[in-house]
Amino acid sequence: MIFAIQIQSYRNISSKDLILQIKDALIEEGVIIGFNLAREFIRILPPLNISDKEISYFKEKIVSVLDSIKEIVLQ
């Protein structure tokens, strides 16, 4: 199972900078993701035996990180 989220540049912030900010923030939260700067996406590769609790944890962390990035971008 693999998921990808495409990240696009916004205003004066490049997609590369956004991806790196998202990656760094998720690592601080204990979530490891893959990314491809050339193709502008982040990869989510959960194990096949992921639990509902782990899915909820990831969802909470990704929403939190994206909300915090959004606040920075919209300033």
N, C-alpha and C. Protein backbone atom coordinates (compact mmCIF):
# COMPACT_ATOMS: atom_id res chain seq x y z
N MET A 1 0.86 -1.16 0.00
CA MET A 1 0.00 0.00 0.00
C MET A 1 0.92 1.23 0.00
N ILE A 2 0.66 2.14 -0.92
CA ILE A 2 1.43 3.38 -1.00
C ILE A 2 0.46 4.53 -1.30
N PHE A 3 0.70 5.63 -0.64
CA PHE A 3 -0.09 6.84 -0.88
C PHE A 3 0.88 7.96 -1.19
N ALA A 4 0.44 8.90 -2.00
CA ALA A 4 1.28 10.05 -2.30
C ALA A 4 0.41 11.31 -2.28
N ILE A 5 1.02 12.39 -1.83
CA ILE A 5 0.35 13.69 -1.82
C ILE A 5 1.23 14.65 -2.61
N GLN A 6 0.68 15.21 -3.67
CA GLN A 6 1.44 16.16 -4.47
C GLN A 6 1.41 17.52 -3.78
N ILE A 7 2.58 18.15 -3.70
CA ILE A 7 2.72 19.45 -3.07
C ILE A 7 3.13 20.45 -4.14
N GLN A 8 2.38 21.52 -4.29
CA GLN A 8 2.67 22.53 -5.31
C GLN A 8 3.16 23.81 -4.67
N SER A 9 3.93 24.56 -5.43
CA SER A 9 4.39 25.87 -4.98
C SER A 9 3.19 26.75 -4.69
N TYR A 10 3.37 27.66 -3.75
CA TYR A 10 2.29 28.59 -3.42
C TYR A 10 2.91 29.95 -3.16
N ARG A 11 2.41 30.94 -3.87
CA ARG A 11 2.94 32.30 -3.80
C ARG A 11 4.45 32.27 -4.00
N ASN A 12 5.21 32.69 -3.03
CA ASN A 12 6.67 32.74 -3.18
C ASN A 12 7.38 31.57 -2.50
N ILE A 13 6.63 30.54 -2.11
CA ILE A 13 7.23 29.38 -1.44
C ILE A 13 7.25 28.21 -2.42
N SER A 14 8.45 27.70 -2.68
CA SER A 14 8.58 26.60 -3.65
C SER A 14 8.05 25.30 -3.07
N SER A 15 7.69 24.40 -3.95
CA SER A 15 7.22 23.08 -3.51
C SER A 15 8.31 22.37 -2.73
N LYS A 16 9.57 22.55 -3.12
CA LYS A 16 10.69 21.94 -2.41
C LYS A 16 10.72 22.39 -0.96
N ASP A 17 10.58 23.70 -0.74
CA ASP A 17 10.59 24.23 0.63
C ASP A 17 9.41 23.70 1.44
N LEU A 18 8.23 23.64 0.82
CA LEU A 18 7.05 23.12 1.52
C LEU A 18 7.23 21.66 1.91
N ILE A 19 7.74 20.85 0.98
CA ILE A 19 7.95 19.43 1.25
C ILE A 19 8.93 19.25 2.40
N LEU A 20 10.02 20.00 2.38
CA LEU A 20 11.01 19.87 3.44
C LEU A 20 10.46 20.33 4.79
N GLN A 21 9.63 21.37 4.80
CA GLN A 21 8.99 21.81 6.05
C GLN A 21 8.05 20.74 6.58
N ILE A 22 7.26 20.14 5.69
CA ILE A 22 6.33 19.09 6.10
C ILE A 22 7.11 17.89 6.64
N LYS A 23 8.13 17.47 5.91
CA LYS A 23 8.95 16.33 6.34
C LYS A 23 9.56 16.57 7.71
N ASP A 24 10.18 17.74 7.89
CA ASP A 24 10.82 18.05 9.17
C ASP A 24 9.82 18.09 10.32
N ALA A 25 8.66 18.69 10.08
CA ALA A 25 7.64 18.78 11.13
C ALA A 25 7.11 17.40 11.49
N LEU A 26 6.92 16.54 10.49
CA LEU A 26 6.42 15.19 10.78
C LEU A 26 7.47 14.37 11.53
N ILE A 27 8.72 14.54 11.19
CA ILE A 27 9.78 13.82 11.92
C ILE A 27 9.78 14.24 13.38
N GLU A 28 9.59 15.53 13.63
CA GLU A 28 9.51 16.01 15.02
C GLU A 28 8.34 15.37 15.76
N GLU A 29 7.28 15.03 15.03
CA GLU A 29 6.10 14.40 15.62
C GLU A 29 6.22 12.88 15.68
N GLY A 30 7.34 12.34 15.18
CA GLY A 30 7.55 10.90 15.24
C GLY A 30 7.01 10.14 14.04
N VAL A 31 6.76 10.84 12.94
CA VAL A 31 6.22 10.22 11.73
C VAL A 31 7.27 10.36 10.61
N ILE A 32 7.62 9.23 10.01
CA ILE A 32 8.60 9.24 8.93
C ILE A 32 7.87 9.06 7.60
N ILE A 33 8.18 9.94 6.64
CA ILE A 33 7.59 9.85 5.31
C ILE A 33 8.71 9.85 4.29
N GLY A 34 8.39 9.42 3.08
CA GLY A 34 9.30 9.54 1.96
C GLY A 34 8.92 10.77 1.16
N PHE A 35 9.82 11.21 0.32
CA PHE A 35 9.51 12.36 -0.51
C PHE A 35 10.35 12.34 -1.77
N ASN A 36 9.88 13.06 -2.78
CA ASN A 36 10.59 13.21 -4.03
C ASN A 36 10.50 14.67 -4.42
N LEU A 37 11.61 15.39 -4.29
CA LEU A 37 11.59 16.82 -4.57
C LEU A 37 11.40 17.10 -6.06
N ALA A 38 11.94 16.26 -6.92
CA ALA A 38 11.84 16.48 -8.36
C ALA A 38 10.40 16.34 -8.85
N ARG A 39 9.67 15.41 -8.27
CA ARG A 39 8.29 15.18 -8.69
C ARG A 39 7.27 15.85 -7.78
N GLU A 40 7.75 16.54 -6.77
CA GLU A 40 6.92 17.36 -5.87
C GLU A 40 5.85 16.56 -5.12
N PHE A 41 6.26 15.47 -4.47
CA PHE A 41 5.28 14.75 -3.66
C PHE A 41 5.93 14.14 -2.42
N ILE A 42 5.06 13.87 -1.44
CA ILE A 42 5.47 13.11 -0.27
C ILE A 42 4.82 11.73 -0.37
N ARG A 43 5.54 10.73 0.12
CA ARG A 43 5.06 9.34 0.07
C ARG A 43 4.72 8.87 1.47
N ILE A 44 3.64 8.14 1.55
CA ILE A 44 3.23 7.54 2.81
C ILE A 44 3.18 6.03 2.56
N LEU A 45 4.01 5.30 3.29
CA LEU A 45 4.15 3.86 3.07
C LEU A 45 3.85 3.10 4.37
N PRO A 46 2.58 2.98 4.74
CA PRO A 46 2.27 2.27 5.99
C PRO A 46 2.46 0.77 5.82
N PRO A 47 2.78 0.08 6.90
CA PRO A 47 2.87 -1.39 6.82
C PRO A 47 1.47 -1.98 6.58
N LEU A 48 1.44 -3.14 5.99
CA LEU A 48 0.14 -3.78 5.71
C LEU A 48 -0.62 -4.14 6.97
N ASN A 49 0.07 -4.29 8.07
CA ASN A 49 -0.60 -4.66 9.32
C ASN A 49 -0.80 -3.44 10.24
N ILE A 50 -0.96 -2.27 9.68
CA ILE A 50 -1.15 -1.04 10.47
C ILE A 50 -2.47 -1.13 11.24
N SER A 51 -2.45 -0.67 12.47
CA SER A 51 -3.65 -0.74 13.31
C SER A 51 -4.48 0.54 13.16
N ASP A 52 -5.73 0.46 13.59
CA ASP A 52 -6.60 1.64 13.57
C ASP A 52 -6.02 2.75 14.44
N LYS A 53 -5.41 2.37 15.55
CA LYS A 53 -4.81 3.35 16.45
C LYS A 53 -3.66 4.09 15.76
N GLU A 54 -2.84 3.36 15.01
CA GLU A 54 -1.74 3.98 14.28
C GLU A 54 -2.23 4.88 13.15
N ILE A 55 -3.30 4.49 12.49
CA ILE A 55 -3.89 5.32 11.44
C ILE A 55 -4.41 6.62 12.05
N SER A 56 -5.09 6.53 13.17
CA SER A 56 -5.59 7.72 13.85
C SER A 56 -4.45 8.63 14.28
N TYR A 57 -3.37 8.05 14.78
CA TYR A 57 -2.20 8.83 15.19
C TYR A 57 -1.62 9.58 14.00
N PHE A 58 -1.45 8.88 12.88
CA PHE A 58 -0.91 9.51 11.68
C PHE A 58 -1.82 10.63 11.20
N LYS A 59 -3.12 10.35 11.15
CA LYS A 59 -4.07 11.36 10.69
C LYS A 59 -3.99 12.62 11.56
N GLU A 60 -3.94 12.43 12.86
CA GLU A 60 -3.84 13.56 13.78
C GLU A 60 -2.58 14.38 13.51
N LYS A 61 -1.46 13.70 13.31
CA LYS A 61 -0.18 14.38 13.10
C LYS A 61 -0.13 15.08 11.75
N ILE A 62 -0.59 14.44 10.69
CA ILE A 62 -0.52 15.06 9.36
C ILE A 62 -1.44 16.27 9.28
N VAL A 63 -2.62 16.19 9.87
CA VAL A 63 -3.54 17.33 9.87
C VAL A 63 -2.93 18.48 10.66
N SER A 64 -2.35 18.18 11.80
CA SER A 64 -1.72 19.21 12.63
C SER A 64 -0.58 19.90 11.88
N VAL A 65 0.27 19.11 11.25
CA VAL A 65 1.42 19.67 10.52
C VAL A 65 0.94 20.51 9.33
N LEU A 66 0.00 19.99 8.56
CA LEU A 66 -0.49 20.75 7.40
C LEU A 66 -1.18 22.05 7.83
N ASP A 67 -1.91 22.01 8.94
CA ASP A 67 -2.53 23.23 9.45
C ASP A 67 -1.48 24.25 9.86
N SER A 68 -0.41 23.79 10.50
CA SER A 68 0.64 24.73 10.92
C SER A 68 1.38 25.30 9.72
N ILE A 69 1.62 24.49 8.70
CA ILE A 69 2.26 24.97 7.47
C ILE A 69 1.35 25.97 6.77
N LYS A 70 0.05 25.69 6.77
CA LYS A 70 -0.91 26.60 6.14
C LYS A 70 -0.88 27.97 6.79
N GLU A 71 -0.80 28.00 8.10
CA GLU A 71 -0.74 29.28 8.80
C GLU A 71 0.50 30.08 8.40
N ILE A 72 1.62 29.40 8.25
CA ILE A 72 2.86 30.06 7.84
C ILE A 72 2.74 30.60 6.43
N VAL A 73 2.20 29.79 5.53
CA VAL A 73 2.08 30.16 4.11
C VAL A 73 1.13 31.34 3.92
N LEU A 74 0.06 31.37 4.67
CA LEU A 74 -0.96 32.40 4.47
C LEU A 74 -0.64 33.73 5.14
N GLN A 75 0.48 33.81 5.83
CA GLN A 75 0.85 35.08 6.49
C GLN A 75 1.25 36.11 5.48
